[in-house]
C-alpha atoms as a PDB file:
ATOM      1  CA  MET A   1     119.536 125.369 108.113  1.00  0.00           C
ATOM      2  CA  PRO A   2     118.505 121.380 109.649  1.00  0.00           C
ATOM      3  CA  LEU A   3     115.352 120.221 109.886  1.00  0.00           C
ATOM      4  CA  GLU A   4     113.751 121.073 112.701  1.00  0.00           C
ATOM      5  CA  LYS A   5     113.496 118.166 115.512  1.00  0.00           C
ATOM      6  CA  ALA A   6     110.219 116.866 116.574  1.00  0.00           C
ATOM      7  CA  THR A   7     109.276 117.728 120.184  1.00  0.00           C
ATOM      8  CA  GLY A   8     106.665 116.554 122.900  1.00  0.00           C
ATOM      9  CA  GLN A   9     104.524 113.669 122.563  1.00  0.00           C
ATOM     10  CA  ASP A  10     105.319 113.946 118.882  1.00  0.00           C
ATOM     11  CA  LYS A  11     108.709 113.151 119.583  1.00  0.00           C
ATOM     12  CA  LYS A  12     107.818 110.296 121.636  1.00  0.00           C
ATOM     13  CA  LEU A  13     105.692 109.113 118.972  1.00  0.00           C
ATOM     14  CA  GLN A  14     108.496 109.034 116.409  1.00  0.00           C
ATOM     15  CA  ASP A  15     111.103 107.438 118.552  1.00  0.00           C
ATOM     16  CA  ARG A  16     108.490 104.434 119.335  1.00  0.00           C
ATOM     17  CA  LEU A  17     108.134 103.997 115.759  1.00  0.00           C
ATOM     18  CA  LEU A  18     111.712 103.891 115.224  1.00  0.00           C
ATOM     19  CA  GLN A  19     112.431 101.607 117.482  1.00  0.00           C
ATOM     20  CA  ALA A  20     109.239  99.189 116.545  1.00  0.00           C
ATOM     21  CA  GLY A  21     111.252  97.937 113.115  1.00  0.00           C
ATOM     22  CA  GLU A  22     111.742  99.279 109.855  1.00  0.00           C
ATOM     23  CA  ILE A  23     110.939 102.773 108.604  1.00  0.00           C
ATOM     24  CA  PRO A  24     109.852 102.866 104.988  1.00  0.00           C
ATOM     25  CA  GLN A  25     112.527 103.853 102.741  1.00  0.00           C
ATOM     26  CA  HIS A  26     110.132 105.236  99.943  1.00  0.00           C
ATOM     27  CA  ILE A  27     106.532 106.436 100.531  1.00  0.00           C
ATOM     28  CA  ALA A  28     104.020 106.984  97.748  1.00  0.00           C
ATOM     29  CA  ILE A  29     100.786 109.033  98.455  1.00  0.00           C
ATOM     30  CA  ILE A  30      97.749 109.251  96.289  1.00  0.00           C
ATOM     31  CA  MET A  31      96.217 112.517  97.716  1.00  0.00           C
ATOM     32  CA  ASP A  32      92.561 111.956  97.572  1.00  0.00           C
ATOM     33  CA  GLY A  33      89.456 113.783  99.118  1.00  0.00           C
ATOM     34  CA  ASN A  34      90.362 117.601  98.548  1.00  0.00           C
ATOM     35  CA  GLY A  35      87.018 118.183  96.725  1.00  0.00           C
ATOM     36  CA  ARG A  36      85.003 116.512  99.283  1.00  0.00           C
ATOM     37  CA  TRP A  37      86.371 117.562 102.176  1.00  0.00           C
ATOM     38  CA  ALA A  38      85.123 121.287 101.261  1.00  0.00           C
ATOM     39  CA  LYS A  39      81.976 120.092 100.037  1.00  0.00           C
ATOM     40  CA  ARG A  40      81.503 118.536 103.364  1.00  0.00           C
ATOM     41  CA  ARG A  41      81.907 122.133 105.139  1.00  0.00           C
ATOM     42  CA  GLY A  42      80.107 124.008 102.433  1.00  0.00           C
ATOM     43  CA  MET A  43      83.159 125.464 100.729  1.00  0.00           C
ATOM     44  CA  PRO A  44      84.102 125.476  97.562  1.00  0.00           C
ATOM     45  CA  ARG A  45      86.483 122.585  95.668  1.00  0.00           C
ATOM     46  CA  ILE A  46      89.873 124.972  95.783  1.00  0.00           C
ATOM     47  CA  ALA A  47      89.365 125.425  99.130  1.00  0.00           C
ATOM     48  CA  GLY A  48      90.310 121.737  99.766  1.00  0.00           C
ATOM     49  CA  HIS A  49      93.035 122.018  97.565  1.00  0.00           C
ATOM     50  CA  HIS A  50      94.372 124.936  99.727  1.00  0.00           C
ATOM     51  CA  GLU A  51      94.087 122.934 102.868  1.00  0.00           C
ATOM     52  CA  GLY A  52      95.860 119.863 101.110  1.00  0.00           C
ATOM     53  CA  VAL A  53      98.678 122.160 101.028  1.00  0.00           C
ATOM     54  CA  ASN A  54      99.070 122.322 104.505  1.00  0.00           C
ATOM     55  CA  SER A  55      99.322 118.511 104.595  1.00  0.00           C
ATOM     56  CA  VAL A  56     101.738 118.198 102.282  1.00  0.00           C
ATOM     57  CA  ARG A  57     104.126 120.534 104.742  1.00  0.00           C
ATOM     58  CA  ASP A  58     103.149 118.447 107.431  1.00  0.00           C
ATOM     59  CA  ILE A  59     104.033 114.972 105.862  1.00  0.00           C
ATOM     60  CA  VAL A  60     107.154 116.260 104.211  1.00  0.00           C
ATOM     61  CA  GLU A  61     108.109 117.700 107.598  1.00  0.00           C
ATOM     62  CA  ALA A  62     107.826 114.378 109.511  1.00  0.00           C
ATOM     63  CA  CYS A  63     109.112 112.393 106.804  1.00  0.00           C
ATOM     64  CA  GLY A  64     112.214 114.209 107.024  1.00  0.00           C
ATOM     65  CA  GLN A  65     112.141 113.528 110.648  1.00  0.00           C
ATOM     66  CA  LEU A  66     111.699 110.019 110.328  1.00  0.00           C
ATOM     67  CA  GLY A  67     114.474 109.713 107.868  1.00  0.00           C
ATOM     68  CA  VAL A  68     112.500 108.471 105.073  1.00  0.00           C
ATOM     69  CA  LYS A  69     114.492 108.744 102.192  1.00  0.00           C
ATOM     70  CA  TYR A  70     111.845 109.350  99.299  1.00  0.00           C
ATOM     71  CA  LEU A  71     108.179 110.938  99.294  1.00  0.00           C
ATOM     72  CA  THR A  72     106.450 110.702  96.249  1.00  0.00           C
ATOM     73  CA  LEU A  73     103.334 112.827  96.006  1.00  0.00           C
ATOM     74  CA  TYR A  74     100.492 112.203  93.090  1.00  0.00           C
ATOM     75  CA  ALA A  75      99.923 115.762  92.510  1.00  0.00           C
ATOM     76  CA  PHE A  76      98.392 116.041  89.091  1.00  0.00           C
ATOM     77  CA  SER A  77      97.510 113.100  87.283  1.00  0.00           C
ATOM     78  CA  THR A  78      97.167 113.062  83.150  1.00  0.00           C
ATOM     79  CA  GLU A  79      93.323 112.355  83.668  1.00  0.00           C
ATOM     80  CA  ASN A  80      93.283 115.633  85.750  1.00  0.00           C
ATOM     81  CA  TRP A  81      93.660 117.221  82.641  1.00  0.00           C
ATOM     82  CA  ASN A  82      89.963 116.444  81.951  1.00  0.00           C
ATOM     83  CA  ARG A  83      88.970 118.129  84.892  1.00  0.00           C
ATOM     84  CA  PRO A  84      86.348 121.944  84.422  1.00  0.00           C
ATOM     85  CA  LYS A  85      88.960 124.449  82.848  1.00  0.00           C
ATOM     86  CA  HIS A  86      88.446 127.013  85.409  1.00  0.00           C
ATOM     87  CA  GLU A  87      89.620 124.180  88.468  1.00  0.00           C
ATOM     88  CA  VAL A  88      92.362 123.108  86.689  1.00  0.00           C
ATOM     89  CA  SER A  89      93.537 126.933  86.073  1.00  0.00           C
ATOM     90  CA  LEU A  90      92.947 127.247  90.075  1.00  0.00           C
ATOM     91  CA  LEU A  91      94.860 123.979  90.553  1.00  0.00           C
ATOM     92  CA  MET A  92      97.875 125.386  88.269  1.00  0.00           C
ATOM     93  CA  ARG A  93      98.135 128.646  90.033  1.00  0.00           C
ATOM     94  CA  LEU A  94      97.794 126.901  93.507  1.00  0.00           C
ATOM     95  CA  LEU A  95     101.058 124.969  92.022  1.00  0.00           C
ATOM     96  CA  LEU A  96     102.713 127.537  91.380  1.00  0.00           C
ATOM     97  CA  ARG A  97     102.151 129.852  94.405  1.00  0.00           C
ATOM     98  CA  ALA A  98     102.951 126.636  96.478  1.00  0.00           C
ATOM     99  CA  LEU A  99     106.386 126.056  94.690  1.00  0.00           C
ATOM    100  CA  ARG A 100     107.049 129.779  95.403  1.00  0.00           C
ATOM    101  CA  ASP A 101     106.501 129.910  98.881  1.00  0.00           C
ATOM    102  CA  GLU A 102     107.634 126.489  99.949  1.00  0.00           C
ATOM    103  CA  ARG A 103     111.203 126.357  97.806  1.00  0.00           C
ATOM    104  CA  ASP A 104     113.041 128.178 100.372  1.00  0.00           C
ATOM    105  CA  ARG A 105     111.654 126.192 103.291  1.00  0.00           C
ATOM    106  CA  LEU A 106     112.531 122.812 101.465  1.00  0.00           C
ATOM    107  CA  HIS A 107     115.749 124.013 100.076  1.00  0.00           C
ATOM    108  CA  GLN A 108     116.812 125.456 103.932  1.00  0.00           C
ATOM    109  CA  ASN A 109     115.751 121.698 105.004  1.00  0.00           C
ATOM    110  CA  GLU A 110     117.988 119.857 102.440  1.00  0.00           C
ATOM    111  CA  VAL A 111     114.953 118.696 100.907  1.00  0.00           C
ATOM    112  CA  GLN A 112     116.061 117.419  97.020  1.00  0.00           C
ATOM    113  CA  LEU A 113     113.104 118.253  94.627  1.00  0.00           C
ATOM    114  CA  LYS A 114     112.217 115.640  91.379  1.00  0.00           C
ATOM    115  CA  ALA A 115     109.289 115.823  89.071  1.00  0.00           C
ATOM    116  CA  ILE A 116     107.903 112.888  86.967  1.00  0.00           C
ATOM    117  CA  GLY A 117     105.527 113.117  84.228  1.00  0.00           C
ATOM    118  CA  ASP A 118     104.705 115.188  80.943  1.00  0.00           C
ATOM    119  CA  ILE A 119     105.790 118.270  82.722  1.00  0.00           C
ATOM    120  CA  ALA A 120     105.647 119.923  78.648  1.00  0.00           C
ATOM    121  CA  LYS A 121     101.935 119.958  79.419  1.00  0.00           C
ATOM    122  CA  LEU A 122     102.213 122.376  82.586  1.00  0.00           C
ATOM    123  CA  PRO A 123     101.828 126.205  81.768  1.00  0.00           C
ATOM    124  CA  GLN A 124     104.943 127.838  80.990  1.00  0.00           C
ATOM    125  CA  ASP A 125     105.227 129.926  84.403  1.00  0.00           C
ATOM    126  CA  VAL A 126     104.814 126.616  86.361  1.00  0.00           C
ATOM    127  CA  GLN A 127     107.545 124.852  84.439  1.00  0.00           C
ATOM    128  CA  ASP A 128     109.879 127.375  84.499  1.00  0.00           C
ATOM    129  CA  GLU A 129     109.462 127.926  88.869  1.00  0.00           C
ATOM    130  CA  LEU A 130     109.407 123.653  89.050  1.00  0.00           C
ATOM    131  CA  LEU A 131     112.720 123.526  87.110  1.00  0.00           C
ATOM    132  CA  ASP A 132     114.307 126.287  89.113  1.00  0.00           C
ATOM    133  CA  ALA A 133     113.245 125.143  92.242  1.00  0.00           C
ATOM    134  CA  ILE A 134     114.820 121.676  91.330  1.00  0.00           C
ATOM    135  CA  LYS A 135     118.036 123.144  90.081  1.00  0.00           C
ATOM    136  CA  LEU A 136     118.193 125.216  93.351  1.00  0.00           C
ATOM    137  CA  MET A 137     117.734 121.973  95.453  1.00  0.00           C
ATOM    138  CA  GLU A 138     119.749 119.301  93.338  1.00  0.00           C
ATOM    139  CA  ASP A 139     122.793 119.022  95.596  1.00  0.00           C
ATOM    140  CA  ASN A 140     120.589 118.612  99.130  1.00  0.00           C
ATOM    141  CA  ARG A 141     121.102 115.417 100.817  1.00  0.00           C
ATOM    142  CA  GLY A 142     118.017 115.026 102.743  1.00  0.00           C
ATOM    143  CA  LEU A 143     114.434 113.823 101.866  1.00  0.00           C
ATOM    144  CA  THR A 144     113.874 113.203  98.085  1.00  0.00           C
ATOM    145  CA  LEU A 145     110.347 115.044  97.273  1.00  0.00           C
ATOM    146  CA  VAL A 146     109.274 113.707  94.141  1.00  0.00           C
ATOM    147  CA  LEU A 147     105.997 115.651  92.582  1.00  0.00           C
ATOM    148  CA  ALA A 148     103.986 113.357  90.208  1.00  0.00           C
ATOM    149  CA  LEU A 149     102.517 116.222  87.575  1.00  0.00           C
ATOM    150  CA  SER A 150     100.872 115.453  84.861  1.00  0.00           C
ATOM    151  CA  TYR A 151     101.205 112.087  85.725  1.00  0.00           C
ATOM    152  CA  SER A 152     100.164 108.494  84.834  1.00  0.00           C
ATOM    153  CA  GLY A 153     101.583 104.799  84.965  1.00  0.00           C
ATOM    154  CA  ARG A 154     100.423 104.311  81.460  1.00  0.00           C
ATOM    155  CA  TRP A 155     102.051 107.277  80.294  1.00  0.00           C
ATOM    156  CA  ASP A 156     105.426 106.362  82.112  1.00  0.00           C
ATOM    157  CA  ILE A 157     105.405 102.857  80.509  1.00  0.00           C
ATOM    158  CA  THR A 158     104.191 103.914  77.245  1.00  0.00           C
ATOM    159  CA  ASN A 159     106.640 106.697  77.303  1.00  0.00           C
ATOM    160  CA  ALA A 160     109.533 104.204  78.327  1.00  0.00           C
ATOM    161  CA  ILE A 161     108.723 101.495  75.694  1.00  0.00           C
ATOM    162  CA  ARG A 162     108.665 104.469  72.865  1.00  0.00           C
ATOM    163  CA  ARG A 163     112.055 105.585  73.671  1.00  0.00           C
ATOM    164  CA  MET A 164     113.449 101.863  74.160  1.00  0.00           C
ATOM    165  CA  ALA A 165     111.955 101.013  70.459  1.00  0.00           C
ATOM    166  CA  GLU A 166     113.854 104.139  69.220  1.00  0.00           C
ATOM    167  CA  ASP A 167     116.951 102.610  70.852  1.00  0.00           C
ATOM    168  CA  VAL A 168     116.201  99.101  69.477  1.00  0.00           C
ATOM    169  CA  ARG A 169     115.840 100.839  65.555  1.00  0.00           C
ATOM    170  CA  LEU A 170     119.094 102.832  66.397  1.00  0.00           C
ATOM    171  CA  GLY A 171     120.975  99.657  67.148  1.00  0.00           C
ATOM    172  CA  ILE A 172     121.670 100.729  70.500  1.00  0.00           C
ATOM    173  CA  VAL A 173     119.347  97.817  72.266  1.00  0.00           C
ATOM    174  CA  LYS A 174     119.491  94.660  70.734  1.00  0.00           C
ATOM    175  CA  PRO A 175     115.678  92.865  71.463  1.00  0.00           C
ATOM    176  CA  ALA A 176     116.860  89.613  72.962  1.00  0.00           C
ATOM    177  CA  SER A 177     118.687  92.052  75.698  1.00  0.00           C
ATOM    178  CA  VAL A 178     115.344  93.509  76.855  1.00  0.00           C
ATOM    179  CA  THR A 179     114.821  92.578  80.585  1.00  0.00           C
ATOM    180  CA  GLU A 180     112.497  94.108  83.403  1.00  0.00           C
ATOM    181  CA  ASP A 181     115.559  95.942  84.369  1.00  0.00           C
ATOM    182  CA  LEU A 182     116.144  96.804  81.218  1.00  0.00           C
ATOM    183  CA  LEU A 183     112.587  98.305  80.707  1.00  0.00           C
ATOM    184  CA  ALA A 184     112.871  99.978  84.171  1.00  0.00           C
ATOM    185  CA  SER A 185     115.417 101.976  83.254  1.00  0.00           C
ATOM    186  CA  TYR A 186     113.662 103.721  80.838  1.00  0.00           C
ATOM    187  CA  LEU A 187     110.707 104.610  83.447  1.00  0.00           C
ATOM    188  CA  SER A 188     110.834 108.261  84.987  1.00  0.00           C
ATOM    189  CA  THR A 189     111.611 106.964  88.041  1.00  0.00           C
ATOM    190  CA  LYS A 190     114.547 105.369  86.867  1.00  0.00           C
ATOM    191  CA  ASP A 191     116.647 106.891  89.995  1.00  0.00           C
ATOM    192  CA  ILE A 192     114.152 106.058  92.627  1.00  0.00           C
ATOM    193  CA  PRO A 193     113.833 102.869  94.167  1.00  0.00           C
ATOM    194  CA  ASP A 194     110.095 101.356  94.037  1.00  0.00           C
ATOM    195  CA  PRO A 195     107.711 102.345  96.904  1.00  0.00           C
ATOM    196  CA  ASP A 196     107.800 100.239  99.898  1.00  0.00           C
ATOM    197  CA  LEU A 197     104.386 101.918 100.837  1.00  0.00           C
ATOM    198  CA  LEU A 198     101.643 103.159  99.350  1.00  0.00           C
ATOM    199  CA  VAL A 199      99.208 105.208 101.237  1.00  0.00           C
ATOM    200  CA  ARG A 200      95.789 106.477  99.709  1.00  0.00           C
ATOM    201  CA  THR A 201      93.748 109.069 101.399  1.00  0.00           C
ATOM    202  CA  SER A 202      89.758 109.392 101.427  1.00  0.00           C
ATOM    203  CA  GLY A 203      89.062 105.588 101.631  1.00  0.00           C
ATOM    204  CA  GLU A 204      89.153 104.774  97.733  1.00  0.00           C
ATOM    205  CA  LEU A 205      90.158 101.002  96.926  1.00  0.00           C
ATOM    206  CA  ARG A 206      92.003 101.788  93.644  1.00  0.00           C
ATOM    207  CA  ILE A 207      95.719 103.206  92.582  1.00  0.00           C
ATOM    208  CA  SER A 208      94.134 105.347  90.200  1.00  0.00           C
ATOM    209  CA  ASN A 209      96.794 104.718  87.057  1.00  0.00           C
ATOM    210  CA  PHE A 210      99.598 105.694  89.563  1.00  0.00           C
ATOM    211  CA  LEU A 211     102.905 104.182  89.193  1.00  0.00           C
ATOM    212  CA  LEU A 212     101.886 101.278  87.554  1.00  0.00           C
ATOM    213  CA  TRP A 213     105.162  99.363  87.599  1.00  0.00           C
ATOM    214  CA  GLN A 214     106.595 100.514  90.191  1.00  0.00           C
ATOM    215  CA  LEU A 215     103.864  99.278  92.948  1.00  0.00           C
ATOM    216  CA  ALA A 216     104.238  95.929  91.894  1.00  0.00           C
ATOM    217  CA  TYR A 217     105.580  94.984  95.857  1.00  0.00           C
ATOM    218  CA  SER A 218     104.044  97.883  97.588  1.00  0.00           C
ATOM    219  CA  GLU A 219     102.423  97.663 100.834  1.00  0.00           C
ATOM    220  CA  LEU A 220      98.941  99.478 100.824  1.00  0.00           C
ATOM    221  CA  PHE A 221      97.348 101.211 103.271  1.00  0.00           C
ATOM    222  CA  ILE A 222      93.975 102.987 102.749  1.00  0.00           C
ATOM    223  CA  SER A 223      93.048 105.819 105.170  1.00  0.00           C
ATOM    224  CA  ASP A 224      89.339 106.915 105.520  1.00  0.00           C
ATOM    225  CA  GLU A 225      90.641 110.616 106.056  1.00  0.00           C
ATOM    226  CA  TYR A 226      90.383 112.918 103.196  1.00  0.00           C
ATOM    227  CA  TRP A 227      93.731 114.616 101.835  1.00  0.00           C
ATOM    228  CA  PRO A 228      93.383 118.124 103.755  1.00  0.00           C
ATOM    229  CA  SER A 229      92.725 115.728 107.222  1.00  0.00           C
ATOM    230  CA  PHE A 230      95.607 113.757 106.622  1.00  0.00           C
ATOM    231  CA  ARG A 231      98.337 114.666 109.141  1.00  0.00           C
ATOM    232  CA  ARG A 232     101.838 113.267 110.762  1.00  0.00           C
ATOM    233  CA  LYS A 233      99.259 111.409 112.766  1.00  0.00           C
ATOM    234  CA  GLN A 234      97.811 109.531 110.220  1.00  0.00           C
ATOM    235  CA  LEU A 235     101.252 108.827 108.716  1.00  0.00           C
ATOM    236  CA  TYR A 236     102.337 107.541 111.913  1.00  0.00           C
ATOM    237  CA  SER A 237      99.577 104.787 111.762  1.00  0.00           C
ATOM    238  CA  ALA A 238     100.522 103.834 107.983  1.00  0.00           C
ATOM    239  CA  ILE A 239     104.024 103.171 109.053  1.00  0.00           C
ATOM    240  CA  ALA A 240     103.142 101.270 112.009  1.00  0.00           C
ATOM    241  CA  GLU A 241     100.520  99.038 109.911  1.00  0.00           C
ATOM    242  CA  PHE A 242     103.976  98.559 107.452  1.00  0.00           C
ATOM    243  CA  GLN A 243     105.684  97.700 110.353  1.00  0.00           C
ATOM    244  CA  LYS A 244     103.478  94.741 110.926  1.00  0.00           C
ATOM    245  CA  ARG A 245     103.596  93.311 107.531  1.00  0.00           C
ATOM    246  CA  GLU A 246     105.539  90.382 106.220  1.00  0.00           C
ATOM    247  CA  ARG A 247     106.930  91.314 102.995  1.00  0.00           C
ATOM    248  CA  ARG A 248     107.724  88.131 101.164  1.00  0.00           C
ATOM    249  CA  PHE A 249     108.030  89.001  97.458  1.00  0.00           C
ATOM    250  CA  GLY A 250     107.281  85.414  96.228  1.00  0.00           C
ATOM    251  CA  LYS A 251     109.223  83.844  99.363  1.00  0.00           C
ATOM    252  CA  VAL A 252     107.866  81.829 102.176  1.00  0.00           C
ATOM    253  CA  SER A 253     107.865  83.020 105.442  1.00  0.00           C
ATOM    254  CA  GLU A 254     110.680  80.920 106.761  1.00  0.00           C
ATOM    255  CA  GLN A 255     112.980  82.487 104.201  1.00  0.00           C
ATOM    256  CA  ILE A 256     112.132  85.895 105.381  1.00  0.00           C
ATOM    257  CA  ARG A 257     114.475  87.548 108.228  1.00  0.00           C
ATOM    258  CA  LYS A 258     112.299  88.440 111.140  1.00  0.00           C
ATOM    259  CA  ARG A 259     111.752  92.339 111.919  1.00  0.00           C
ATOM    260  CA  GLN A 260     113.596  93.770 114.545  1.00  0.00           C
ATOM    261  CA  GLY A 261     110.045  95.126 116.568  1.00  0.00           C
ATOM    262  CA  SER A 262     107.601  92.998 117.559  1.00  0.00           C
ATOM    263  CA  LEU A 263     103.822  92.595 116.406  1.00  0.00           C
ATOM    264  CA  GLU A 264     102.815  93.236 119.988  1.00  0.00           C
ATOM    265  CA  TYR A 265     104.944  96.492 120.353  1.00  0.00           C
ATOM    266  CA  VAL A 266     103.438  97.972 116.864  1.00  0.00           C
ATOM    267  CA  GLU A 267      99.993  97.104 118.212  1.00  0.00           C
ATOM    268  CA  ARG A 268     100.616  99.344 121.566  1.00  0.00           C
ATOM    269  CA  PHE A 269     101.838 101.701 119.382  1.00  0.00           C
ATOM    270  CA  LEU A 270      98.674 101.865 117.237  1.00  0.00           C
ATOM    271  CA  LYS A 271      96.518 101.823 120.160  1.00  0.00           C
ATOM    272  CA  SER A 272      98.137 104.938 121.288  1.00  0.00           C
ATOM    273  CA  VAL A 273      98.092 106.835 118.661  1.00  0.00           C
ATOM    274  CA  SER A 274      94.401 106.220 118.066  1.00  0.00           C
ATOM    275  CA  LYS A 275      93.927 107.622 121.445  1.00  0.00           C
ATOM    276  CA  LEU A 276      95.147 111.245 120.309  1.00  0.00           C
END
């Protein structure tokens, strides 16, 4: 089943975004603020996590419609294991349920699923469901959805260095041949391009040990919305802000090809979104 297309006002907003300039090839999101969203409403923290699943569904759909190639979601960090055991247990049950509920929808929409992180630490039933879903969707050619589970940037780099050191010991790799590209080939994201845009919700100004190597030249967008309130309208604003940025990668402005869309066009788009 092909991905359902946007309609009405949403379709107009997407068309204007596509006309304004470049759509990020890879968007990474730190989904933060579930607990605070629930607390403000006098609800238990898990209610925020449940509502956050609805945000995931909407953002995945919008990214697929816009032609985003990769979407990486920071779903559970290595540090999250330090939360109260009851909350961790509830989060694992929610993850298991979400995988079971969403896998067919994702598969029908040609989404390919990947996971990065220390997956072996997840409960066995979650591991099994995750690997089954990945297997089911491995030949799909639409949006690649990457779930960062039991993941941290330091874990990723440490694991990569450990594996590369073993190859040096075995004589497979010569120390003199170690380069940035070689190290990157040992990371869990070796087959995934670095993010063009990092979005963080809840207004926090940090990257929380997420994709430390890969975010070297990513554009950052901080949203004051808590994740359960972050939907496609906020995503469109993040992409429009991205389109305003000049990505120089260490070069000077004169060396960078001018973007297709004008800053004035993007500014008008942002104003129209803010009025919705």
